[in-house]
Amino acid sequence: MRLGVIFDRDLPPEQLVPVARALDDLDRVDDLWVVEDLGWTGGISSAATALAVTSRLRVGLGIAPAPLRNPMLLAMELANLARLHPGRLAAGIGHGVPAWMARAGAAAPSPLALLEETITAVRALLRGETVTMAGRSVQLDGLSLVHPPEVVPPVLAGVLRPRSLALSGRVAQGTILPEGFGPDRVRQALGQIAAAGDHELVVFTYLHVGPGFPGHLAAEQAAFLDVAAEEVAMAVGTPEEAAAHVRALWSAGADTVLVRPVAADPLPHVTALLAAL
């Protein structure tokens, strides 16, 4: 049962270095994940920064949108990080928010095909294979990495809908579920993933200890998940209530719970949660 922290996209990028160093000193925190959302920050540069200023944490990329990332270039970037920091990288790849991808001129004719082909190609390249692929969305002609990593980082799919969850179970080494999933929905997702063999389930969740949680986030996430606002599950309230939610996600099957503190200073919320756990 792993516990990690997401560096919230609304925090200024220069805050990443002190937050990463502080989390690296907290033994109970296993992961630090950085965000790649359109207009906020680049995931590769953020992951490189976090890896460079820490020595222990696994750093996750959450989540590279396949429409914006050529699989060869993405594999090159991931391989570089994995060689510099062996065993400390996890890579999330997803569909991207469709409306954002369209606004960036990167709308995919077949998002499912693009994601499956991207993950398949990136994983093969990271394993040191020579890849030729004539897919619906990805075309590679005899390409390989000159410097493949000795420790191959896991590639996870950041997905939500049933067909995408099934895709993740087929081709990825793990699945990332977005903020708002409660225990019942986690168990349902596991059934839809239906992975054979080892498959890491990572669940994101909002974290806010004490009063002052911005209520609009629950409404926005409810719209994204297509559920009622009261169905958006979060680690909010007292430290004990936040800890109970994290434990419930673990009990439902999450291998890694990643809390996303929603505050100008995320560290007090993390330390309060750790104390309650």
C-alpha atoms as a PDB file:
ATOM      1  CA  MET A   1       0.000   0.000   0.000  1.00  0.00           C
ATOM      2  CA  ARG A   2       1.849   3.009  -1.356  1.00  0.00           C
ATOM      3  CA  LEU A   3       1.124   6.657  -0.563  1.00  0.00           C
ATOM      4  CA  GLY A   4       2.101   9.543  -2.786  1.00  0.00           C
ATOM      5  CA  VAL A   5       1.516  13.245  -3.248  1.00  0.00           C
ATOM      6  CA  ILE A   6       0.536  15.157  -6.382  1.00  0.00           C
ATOM      7  CA  PHE A   7       2.119  18.560  -6.887  1.00  0.00           C
ATOM      8  CA  ASP A   8      -1.005  20.536  -7.745  1.00  0.00           C
ATOM      9  CA  ARG A   9      -1.018  22.217 -11.133  1.00  0.00           C
ATOM     10  CA  ASP A  10      -2.084  25.576  -9.670  1.00  0.00           C
ATOM     11  CA  LEU A  11       1.025  25.864  -7.492  1.00  0.00           C
ATOM     12  CA  PRO A  12       3.790  28.022  -8.991  1.00  0.00           C
ATOM     13  CA  PRO A  13       6.456  25.859 -10.651  1.00  0.00           C
ATOM     14  CA  GLU A  14       9.244  27.323  -8.523  1.00  0.00           C
ATOM     15  CA  GLN A  15       7.558  25.805  -5.469  1.00  0.00           C
ATOM     16  CA  LEU A  16       8.202  22.290  -6.811  1.00  0.00           C
ATOM     17  CA  VAL A  17      11.809  22.181  -5.608  1.00  0.00           C
ATOM     18  CA  PRO A  18      11.201  22.916  -1.894  1.00  0.00           C
ATOM     19  CA  VAL A  19       8.075  20.722  -1.813  1.00  0.00           C
ATOM     20  CA  ALA A  20       9.899  17.809  -3.458  1.00  0.00           C
ATOM     21  CA  ARG A  21      12.805  18.075  -1.025  1.00  0.00           C
ATOM     22  CA  ALA A  22      10.472  18.200   1.972  1.00  0.00           C
ATOM     23  CA  LEU A  23       8.522  15.143   0.792  1.00  0.00           C
ATOM     24  CA  ASP A  24      11.761  13.269   0.171  1.00  0.00           C
ATOM     25  CA  ASP A  25      12.459  13.621   3.899  1.00  0.00           C
ATOM     26  CA  LEU A  26       9.105  12.057   4.864  1.00  0.00           C
ATOM     27  CA  ASP A  27       9.712   8.304   4.968  1.00  0.00           C
ATOM     28  CA  ARG A  28       6.036   7.376   4.755  1.00  0.00           C
ATOM     29  CA  VAL A  29       5.609   9.176   1.416  1.00  0.00           C
ATOM     30  CA  ASP A  30       6.579   6.881  -1.469  1.00  0.00           C
ATOM     31  CA  ASP A  31       5.765   8.930  -4.576  1.00  0.00           C
ATOM     32  CA  LEU A  32       5.649  12.470  -5.923  1.00  0.00           C
ATOM     33  CA  TRP A  33       3.651  12.932  -9.119  1.00  0.00           C
ATOM     34  CA  VAL A  34       3.727  15.955 -11.393  1.00  0.00           C
ATOM     35  CA  VAL A  35       1.012  17.143 -13.747  1.00  0.00           C
ATOM     36  CA  GLU A  36       0.859  17.735 -17.490  1.00  0.00           C
ATOM     37  CA  ASP A  37      -2.302  19.669 -18.278  1.00  0.00           C
ATOM     38  CA  LEU A  38      -2.742  21.990 -21.240  1.00  0.00           C
ATOM     39  CA  GLY A  39      -1.526  25.473 -20.376  1.00  0.00           C
ATOM     40  CA  TRP A  40      -0.203  24.633 -16.906  1.00  0.00           C
ATOM     41  CA  THR A  41       3.215  22.943 -16.913  1.00  0.00           C
ATOM     42  CA  GLY A  42       5.203  20.405 -18.911  1.00  0.00           C
ATOM     43  CA  GLY A  43       5.335  16.983 -17.299  1.00  0.00           C
ATOM     44  CA  ILE A  44       8.783  15.923 -18.508  1.00  0.00           C
ATOM     45  CA  SER A  45      10.516  19.083 -17.299  1.00  0.00           C
ATOM     46  CA  SER A  46       8.677  18.879 -13.976  1.00  0.00           C
ATOM     47  CA  ALA A  47       9.581  15.207 -13.518  1.00  0.00           C
ATOM     48  CA  ALA A  48      13.224  15.927 -14.369  1.00  0.00           C
ATOM     49  CA  THR A  49      13.309  18.717 -11.789  1.00  0.00           C
ATOM     50  CA  ALA A  50      11.710  16.594  -9.069  1.00  0.00           C
ATOM     51  CA  LEU A  51      14.047  13.664  -9.746  1.00  0.00           C
ATOM     52  CA  ALA A  52      17.103  15.904  -9.685  1.00  0.00           C
ATOM     53  CA  VAL A  53      16.379  17.365  -6.234  1.00  0.00           C
ATOM     54  CA  THR A  54      15.325  14.112  -4.526  1.00  0.00           C
ATOM     55  CA  SER A  55      17.081  10.833  -3.835  1.00  0.00           C
ATOM     56  CA  ARG A  56      14.376   8.444  -2.628  1.00  0.00           C
ATOM     57  CA  LEU A  57      10.940   9.241  -4.048  1.00  0.00           C
ATOM     58  CA  ARG A  58       9.474   7.615  -7.114  1.00  0.00           C
ATOM     59  CA  VAL A  59       8.405  10.425  -9.426  1.00  0.00           C
ATOM     60  CA  GLY A  60       5.370   9.910 -11.627  1.00  0.00           C
ATOM     61  CA  LEU A  61       4.341  11.687 -14.801  1.00  0.00           C
ATOM     62  CA  GLY A  62       0.648  12.277 -14.613  1.00  0.00           C
ATOM     63  CA  ILE A  63      -0.484  12.315 -17.289  1.00  0.00           C
ATOM     64  CA  ALA A  64       1.107  12.806 -20.730  1.00  0.00           C
ATOM     65  CA  PRO A  65      -1.655  13.254 -23.334  1.00  0.00           C
ATOM     66  CA  ALA A  66      -1.017  10.928 -26.256  1.00  0.00           C
ATOM     67  CA  PRO A  67      -2.311  13.410 -28.878  1.00  0.00           C
ATOM     68  CA  LEU A  68       0.376  15.931 -27.874  1.00  0.00           C
ATOM     69  CA  ARG A  69       3.266  13.449 -27.499  1.00  0.00           C
ATOM     70  CA  ASN A  70       4.895  11.641 -30.402  1.00  0.00           C
ATOM     71  CA  PRO A  71       5.649   8.152 -29.015  1.00  0.00           C
ATOM     72  CA  MET A  72       9.265   8.167 -30.218  1.00  0.00           C
ATOM     73  CA  LEU A  73      10.016  11.505 -28.597  1.00  0.00           C
ATOM     74  CA  LEU A  74       8.186  10.468 -25.424  1.00  0.00           C
ATOM     75  CA  ALA A  75      10.198   7.242 -25.222  1.00  0.00           C
ATOM     76  CA  MET A  76      13.427   9.215 -25.699  1.00  0.00           C
ATOM     77  CA  GLU A  77      12.550  11.567 -22.844  1.00  0.00           C
ATOM     78  CA  LEU A  78      11.454   8.760 -20.512  1.00  0.00           C
ATOM     79  CA  ALA A  79      14.528   6.679 -21.279  1.00  0.00           C
ATOM     80  CA  ASN A  80      16.781   9.610 -20.463  1.00  0.00           C
ATOM     81  CA  LEU A  81      15.121  10.129 -17.080  1.00  0.00           C
ATOM     82  CA  ALA A  82      15.123   6.398 -16.347  1.00  0.00           C
ATOM     83  CA  ARG A  83      18.847   6.106 -17.047  1.00  0.00           C
ATOM     84  CA  LEU A  84      19.686   9.115 -14.891  1.00  0.00           C
ATOM     85  CA  HIS A  85      17.410   7.977 -12.045  1.00  0.00           C
ATOM     86  CA  PRO A  86      17.017   4.177 -12.323  1.00  0.00           C
ATOM     87  CA  GLY A  87      14.013   2.699 -10.578  1.00  0.00           C
ATOM     88  CA  ARG A  88      12.504   6.065  -9.638  1.00  0.00           C
ATOM     89  CA  LEU A  89      10.247   6.886 -12.587  1.00  0.00           C
ATOM     90  CA  ALA A  90       6.673   5.976 -13.491  1.00  0.00           C
ATOM     91  CA  ALA A  91       5.070   7.243 -16.689  1.00  0.00           C
ATOM     92  CA  GLY A  92       1.381   7.916 -17.147  1.00  0.00           C
ATOM     93  CA  ILE A  93      -0.095   8.324 -20.620  1.00  0.00           C
ATOM     94  CA  GLY A  94      -3.725   9.179 -21.316  1.00  0.00           C
ATOM     95  CA  HIS A  95      -6.200  10.414 -23.910  1.00  0.00           C
ATOM     96  CA  GLY A  96      -5.955  14.038 -22.873  1.00  0.00           C
ATOM     97  CA  VAL A  97      -9.096  16.086 -22.287  1.00  0.00           C
ATOM     98  CA  PRO A  98     -10.816  15.993 -25.710  1.00  0.00           C
ATOM     99  CA  ALA A  99     -11.848  19.662 -25.688  1.00  0.00           C
ATOM    100  CA  TRP A 100      -8.313  20.716 -24.805  1.00  0.00           C
ATOM    101  CA  MET A 101      -6.805  18.516 -27.488  1.00  0.00           C
ATOM    102  CA  ALA A 102      -9.155  20.037 -30.075  1.00  0.00           C
ATOM    103  CA  ARG A 103      -8.208  23.570 -29.011  1.00  0.00           C
ATOM    104  CA  ALA A 104      -4.526  22.656 -29.429  1.00  0.00           C
ATOM    105  CA  GLY A 105      -5.158  21.283 -32.926  1.00  0.00           C
ATOM    106  CA  ALA A 106      -4.419  17.742 -31.748  1.00  0.00           C
ATOM    107  CA  ALA A 107      -7.827  16.059 -31.717  1.00  0.00           C
ATOM    108  CA  ALA A 108      -7.447  12.323 -32.352  1.00  0.00           C
ATOM    109  CA  PRO A 109      -9.770  10.651 -34.909  1.00  0.00           C
ATOM    110  CA  SER A 110      -9.619   7.476 -32.791  1.00  0.00           C
ATOM    111  CA  PRO A 111      -8.531   8.213 -29.203  1.00  0.00           C
ATOM    112  CA  LEU A 112      -8.619   4.520 -28.252  1.00  0.00           C
ATOM    113  CA  ALA A 113      -6.390   3.468 -31.134  1.00  0.00           C
ATOM    114  CA  LEU A 114      -3.982   6.321 -30.504  1.00  0.00           C
ATOM    115  CA  LEU A 115      -3.614   5.495 -26.814  1.00  0.00           C
ATOM    116  CA  GLU A 116      -3.188   1.763 -27.371  1.00  0.00           C
ATOM    117  CA  GLU A 117      -0.624   2.251 -30.129  1.00  0.00           C
ATOM    118  CA  THR A 118       1.261   4.918 -28.169  1.00  0.00           C
ATOM    119  CA  ILE A 119       1.551   2.808 -25.020  1.00  0.00           C
ATOM    120  CA  THR A 120       2.511  -0.291 -27.023  1.00  0.00           C
ATOM    121  CA  ALA A 121       5.197   1.596 -28.956  1.00  0.00           C
ATOM    122  CA  VAL A 122       6.626   3.421 -25.937  1.00  0.00           C
ATOM    123  CA  ARG A 123       6.877   0.230 -23.891  1.00  0.00           C
ATOM    124  CA  ALA A 124       8.619  -1.633 -26.713  1.00  0.00           C
ATOM    125  CA  LEU A 125      11.081   1.205 -27.276  1.00  0.00           C
ATOM    126  CA  LEU A 126      11.887   1.396 -23.569  1.00  0.00           C
ATOM    127  CA  ARG A 127      12.594  -2.352 -23.609  1.00  0.00           C
ATOM    128  CA  GLY A 128      15.247  -1.701 -26.261  1.00  0.00           C
ATOM    129  CA  GLU A 129      13.299  -3.167 -29.168  1.00  0.00           C
ATOM    130  CA  THR A 130      13.324  -1.944 -32.745  1.00  0.00           C
ATOM    131  CA  VAL A 131       9.780  -0.865 -33.523  1.00  0.00           C
ATOM    132  CA  THR A 132       7.957  -0.832 -36.829  1.00  0.00           C
ATOM    133  CA  MET A 133       4.304   0.073 -36.491  1.00  0.00           C
ATOM    134  CA  ALA A 134       1.793   0.955 -39.181  1.00  0.00           C
ATOM    135  CA  GLY A 135      -1.175   1.681 -36.967  1.00  0.00           C
ATOM    136  CA  ARG A 136      -4.280   3.748 -37.365  1.00  0.00           C
ATOM    137  CA  SER A 137      -2.628   6.625 -35.510  1.00  0.00           C
ATOM    138  CA  VAL A 138       1.051   5.744 -34.948  1.00  0.00           C
ATOM    139  CA  GLN A 139       3.548   5.085 -37.733  1.00  0.00           C
ATOM    140  CA  LEU A 140       7.123   4.117 -36.829  1.00  0.00           C
ATOM    141  CA  ASP A 141       9.617   2.674 -39.302  1.00  0.00           C
ATOM    142  CA  GLY A 142      12.389   0.607 -37.741  1.00  0.00           C
ATOM    143  CA  LEU A 143      13.102   2.943 -34.826  1.00  0.00           C
ATOM    144  CA  SER A 144      14.925   2.132 -31.616  1.00  0.00           C
ATOM    145  CA  LEU A 145      16.609   3.890 -28.716  1.00  0.00           C
ATOM    146  CA  VAL A 146      20.387   4.178 -28.767  1.00  0.00           C
ATOM    147  CA  HIS A 147      20.387   4.387 -24.958  1.00  0.00           C
ATOM    148  CA  PRO A 148      17.482   2.278 -23.636  1.00  0.00           C
ATOM    149  CA  PRO A 149      17.211   2.213 -19.849  1.00  0.00           C
ATOM    150  CA  GLU A 150      18.592  -0.715 -17.890  1.00  0.00           C
ATOM    151  CA  VAL A 151      15.700  -0.357 -15.422  1.00  0.00           C
ATOM    152  CA  VAL A 152      12.599   0.015 -17.582  1.00  0.00           C
ATOM    153  CA  PRO A 153      10.053   2.376 -15.999  1.00  0.00           C
ATOM    154  CA  PRO A 154       6.445   1.210 -15.771  1.00  0.00           C
ATOM    155  CA  VAL A 155       4.003   2.773 -18.211  1.00  0.00           C
ATOM    156  CA  LEU A 156       0.496   3.347 -16.856  1.00  0.00           C
ATOM    157  CA  ALA A 157      -2.684   4.459 -18.588  1.00  0.00           C
ATOM    158  CA  GLY A 158      -4.618   7.372 -17.164  1.00  0.00           C
ATOM    159  CA  VAL A 159      -8.172   6.457 -18.161  1.00  0.00           C
ATOM    160  CA  LEU A 160     -11.770   6.644 -17.020  1.00  0.00           C
ATOM    161  CA  ARG A 161     -14.378   4.971 -19.256  1.00  0.00           C
ATOM    162  CA  PRO A 162     -14.981   1.192 -19.489  1.00  0.00           C
ATOM    163  CA  ARG A 163     -13.428   0.655 -22.942  1.00  0.00           C
ATOM    164  CA  SER A 164     -10.344   2.642 -21.936  1.00  0.00           C
ATOM    165  CA  LEU A 165     -10.063   0.719 -18.667  1.00  0.00           C
ATOM    166  CA  ALA A 166     -10.147  -2.545 -20.605  1.00  0.00           C
ATOM    167  CA  LEU A 167      -7.472  -1.160 -22.939  1.00  0.00           C
ATOM    168  CA  SER A 168      -5.293  -0.350 -19.934  1.00  0.00           C
ATOM    169  CA  GLY A 169      -5.623  -3.898 -18.658  1.00  0.00           C
ATOM    170  CA  ARG A 170      -4.445  -5.215 -22.041  1.00  0.00           C
ATOM    171  CA  VAL A 171      -1.464  -2.997 -22.805  1.00  0.00           C
ATOM    172  CA  ALA A 172      -0.327  -0.998 -19.761  1.00  0.00           C
ATOM    173  CA  GLN A 173       1.479  -1.950 -16.578  1.00  0.00           C
ATOM    174  CA  GLY A 174      -0.914   0.010 -14.437  1.00  0.00           C
ATOM    175  CA  THR A 175      -4.000   2.206 -14.437  1.00  0.00           C
ATOM    176  CA  ILE A 176      -4.433   5.717 -13.045  1.00  0.00           C
ATOM    177  CA  LEU A 177      -7.921   6.648 -11.862  1.00  0.00           C
ATOM    178  CA  PRO A 178      -8.814  10.339 -11.507  1.00  0.00           C
ATOM    179  CA  GLU A 179      -9.841  12.268  -8.417  1.00  0.00           C
ATOM    180  CA  GLY A 180     -13.320  11.511  -7.130  1.00  0.00           C
ATOM    181  CA  PHE A 181     -13.418   7.712  -7.174  1.00  0.00           C
ATOM    182  CA  GLY A 182     -14.765   6.117  -4.012  1.00  0.00           C
ATOM    183  CA  PRO A 183     -14.172   2.517  -2.916  1.00  0.00           C
ATOM    184  CA  ASP A 184     -17.146   1.087  -4.811  1.00  0.00           C
ATOM    185  CA  ARG A 185     -16.118   2.697  -8.063  1.00  0.00           C
ATOM    186  CA  VAL A 186     -12.514   1.558  -7.557  1.00  0.00           C
ATOM    187  CA  ARG A 187     -13.716  -2.035  -7.238  1.00  0.00           C
ATOM    188  CA  GLN A 188     -15.871  -1.615 -10.342  1.00  0.00           C
ATOM    189  CA  ALA A 189     -12.907  -0.245 -12.294  1.00  0.00           C
ATOM    190  CA  LEU A 190     -10.758  -3.193 -11.267  1.00  0.00           C
ATOM    191  CA  GLY A 191     -13.321  -5.523 -12.787  1.00  0.00           C
ATOM    192  CA  GLN A 192     -13.294  -3.540 -16.033  1.00  0.00           C
ATOM    193  CA  ILE A 193      -9.486  -3.480 -16.179  1.00  0.00           C
ATOM    194  CA  ALA A 194      -9.299  -7.247 -15.752  1.00  0.00           C
ATOM    195  CA  ALA A 195      -5.527  -7.299 -16.134  1.00  0.00           C
ATOM    196  CA  ALA A 196      -3.620 -10.546 -16.312  1.00  0.00           C
ATOM    197  CA  GLY A 197      -0.556 -10.513 -14.074  1.00  0.00           C
ATOM    198  CA  ASP A 198       0.920  -7.618 -12.137  1.00  0.00           C
ATOM    199  CA  HIS A 199      -0.909  -4.356 -12.736  1.00  0.00           C
ATOM    200  CA  GLU A 200      -0.573  -1.336 -10.442  1.00  0.00           C
ATOM    201  CA  LEU A 201      -3.762   0.548  -9.645  1.00  0.00           C
ATOM    202  CA  VAL A 202      -3.094   4.199  -8.832  1.00  0.00           C
ATOM    203  CA  VAL A 203      -5.930   6.355  -7.506  1.00  0.00           C
ATOM    204  CA  PHE A 204      -5.799  10.145  -7.312  1.00  0.00           C
ATOM    205  CA  THR A 205      -7.794  11.899  -4.580  1.00  0.00           C
ATOM    206  CA  TYR A 206      -8.177  15.468  -3.371  1.00  0.00           C
ATOM    207  CA  LEU A 207      -6.741  16.182   0.089  1.00  0.00           C
ATOM    208  CA  HIS A 208      -7.696  19.042   2.380  1.00  0.00           C
ATOM    209  CA  VAL A 209      -7.504  18.873   6.159  1.00  0.00           C
ATOM    210  CA  GLY A 210      -9.624  21.351   8.086  1.00  0.00           C
ATOM    211  CA  PRO A 211     -12.004  24.028   6.802  1.00  0.00           C
ATOM    212  CA  GLY A 212     -11.664  25.951   3.584  1.00  0.00           C
ATOM    213  CA  PHE A 213     -11.836  23.301   0.875  1.00  0.00           C
ATOM    214  CA  PRO A 214     -12.792  25.043  -2.401  1.00  0.00           C
ATOM    215  CA  GLY A 215     -16.221  23.615  -3.116  1.00  0.00           C
ATOM    216  CA  HIS A 216     -16.143  24.402  -6.811  1.00  0.00           C
ATOM    217  CA  LEU A 217     -13.603  21.600  -7.317  1.00  0.00           C
ATOM    218  CA  ALA A 218     -16.156  18.960  -6.345  1.00  0.00           C
ATOM    219  CA  ALA A 219     -18.660  20.392  -8.825  1.00  0.00           C
ATOM    220  CA  GLU A 220     -16.073  20.544 -11.615  1.00  0.00           C
ATOM    221  CA  GLN A 221     -14.913  16.993 -10.966  1.00  0.00           C
ATOM    222  CA  ALA A 222     -18.494  15.761 -10.830  1.00  0.00           C
ATOM    223  CA  ALA A 223     -19.043  17.182 -14.313  1.00  0.00           C
ATOM    224  CA  PHE A 224     -15.857  15.503 -15.547  1.00  0.00           C
ATOM    225  CA  LEU A 225     -16.850  12.137 -14.045  1.00  0.00           C
ATOM    226  CA  ASP A 226     -20.510  12.565 -15.046  1.00  0.00           C
ATOM    227  CA  VAL A 227     -21.775  11.966 -11.512  1.00  0.00           C
ATOM    228  CA  ALA A 228     -23.590  14.011  -8.877  1.00  0.00           C
ATOM    229  CA  ALA A 229     -21.404  16.322  -6.790  1.00  0.00           C
ATOM    230  CA  GLU A 230     -22.118  14.349  -3.625  1.00  0.00           C
ATOM    231  CA  GLU A 231     -20.665  11.232  -5.288  1.00  0.00           C
ATOM    232  CA  VAL A 232     -17.208  12.785  -5.642  1.00  0.00           C
ATOM    233  CA  ALA A 233     -15.173  11.035  -2.933  1.00  0.00           C
ATOM    234  CA  MET A 234     -12.352  13.025  -1.339  1.00  0.00           C
ATOM    235  CA  ALA A 235      -9.908  12.941   1.571  1.00  0.00           C
ATOM    236  CA  VAL A 236     -11.278  16.074   3.219  1.00  0.00           C
ATOM    237  CA  GLY A 237     -12.397  17.070   6.696  1.00  0.00           C
ATOM    238  CA  THR A 238     -10.547  16.119   9.844  1.00  0.00           C
ATOM    239  CA  PRO A 239      -7.215  14.306   9.598  1.00  0.00           C
ATOM    240  CA  GLU A 240      -8.984  11.150  10.750  1.00  0.00           C
ATOM    241  CA  GLU A 241     -11.664  11.487   8.055  1.00  0.00           C
ATOM    242  CA  ALA A 242      -9.009  12.027   5.386  1.00  0.00           C
ATOM    243  CA  ALA A 243      -7.065   9.001   6.627  1.00  0.00           C
ATOM    244  CA  ALA A 244     -10.212   6.865   6.623  1.00  0.00           C
ATOM    245  CA  HIS A 245     -10.797   7.688   2.957  1.00  0.00           C
ATOM    246  CA  VAL A 246      -7.216   6.754   2.038  1.00  0.00           C
ATOM    247  CA  ARG A 247      -7.535   3.463   3.935  1.00  0.00           C
ATOM    248  CA  ALA A 248     -10.833   2.736   2.180  1.00  0.00           C
ATOM    249  CA  LEU A 249      -9.194   3.194  -1.224  1.00  0.00           C
ATOM    250  CA  TRP A 250      -6.400   0.815  -0.257  1.00  0.00           C
ATOM    251  CA  SER A 251      -8.948  -1.722   1.000  1.00  0.00           C
ATOM    252  CA  ALA A 252     -10.881  -1.450  -2.273  1.00  0.00           C
ATOM    253  CA  GLY A 253      -7.810  -2.474  -4.255  1.00  0.00           C
ATOM    254  CA  ALA A 254      -5.702   0.642  -4.829  1.00  0.00           C
ATOM    255  CA  ASP A 255      -2.004  -0.202  -4.778  1.00  0.00           C
ATOM    256  CA  THR A 256      -0.996   3.463  -4.662  1.00  0.00           C
ATOM    257  CA  VAL A 257      -3.113   6.335  -3.365  1.00  0.00           C
ATOM    258  CA  LEU A 258      -1.945   9.749  -4.528  1.00  0.00           C
ATOM    259  CA  VAL A 259      -3.309  12.655  -2.521  1.00  0.00           C
ATOM    260  CA  ARG A 260      -3.622  16.034  -4.193  1.00  0.00           C
ATOM    261  CA  PRO A 261      -3.443  18.742  -1.520  1.00  0.00           C
ATOM    262  CA  VAL A 262      -5.496  21.761  -2.523  1.00  0.00           C
ATOM    263  CA  ALA A 263      -3.732  24.567  -0.670  1.00  0.00           C
ATOM    264  CA  ALA A 264      -1.088  27.215  -1.177  1.00  0.00           C
ATOM    265  CA  ASP A 265       1.114  25.229   1.219  1.00  0.00           C
ATOM    266  CA  PRO A 266       0.477  21.511   0.708  1.00  0.00           C
ATOM    267  CA  LEU A 267       2.873  20.207   3.353  1.00  0.00           C
ATOM    268  CA  PRO A 268       0.766  20.772   6.509  1.00  0.00           C
ATOM    269  CA  HIS A 269      -2.085  18.800   4.925  1.00  0.00           C
ATOM    270  CA  VAL A 270       0.271  15.943   4.088  1.00  0.00           C
ATOM    271  CA  THR A 271       1.846  15.811   7.553  1.00  0.00           C
ATOM    272  CA  ALA A 272      -1.589  15.924   9.219  1.00  0.00           C
ATOM    273  CA  LEU A 273      -2.700  12.979   7.078  1.00  0.00           C
ATOM    274  CA  LEU A 274       0.469  11.040   7.896  1.00  0.00           C
ATOM    275  CA  ALA A 275      -0.059  11.584  11.608  1.00  0.00           C
ATOM    276  CA  ALA A 276      -3.625  10.269  11.353  1.00  0.00           C
ATOM    277  CA  LEU A 277      -2.517   7.250   9.350  1.00  0.00           C
END
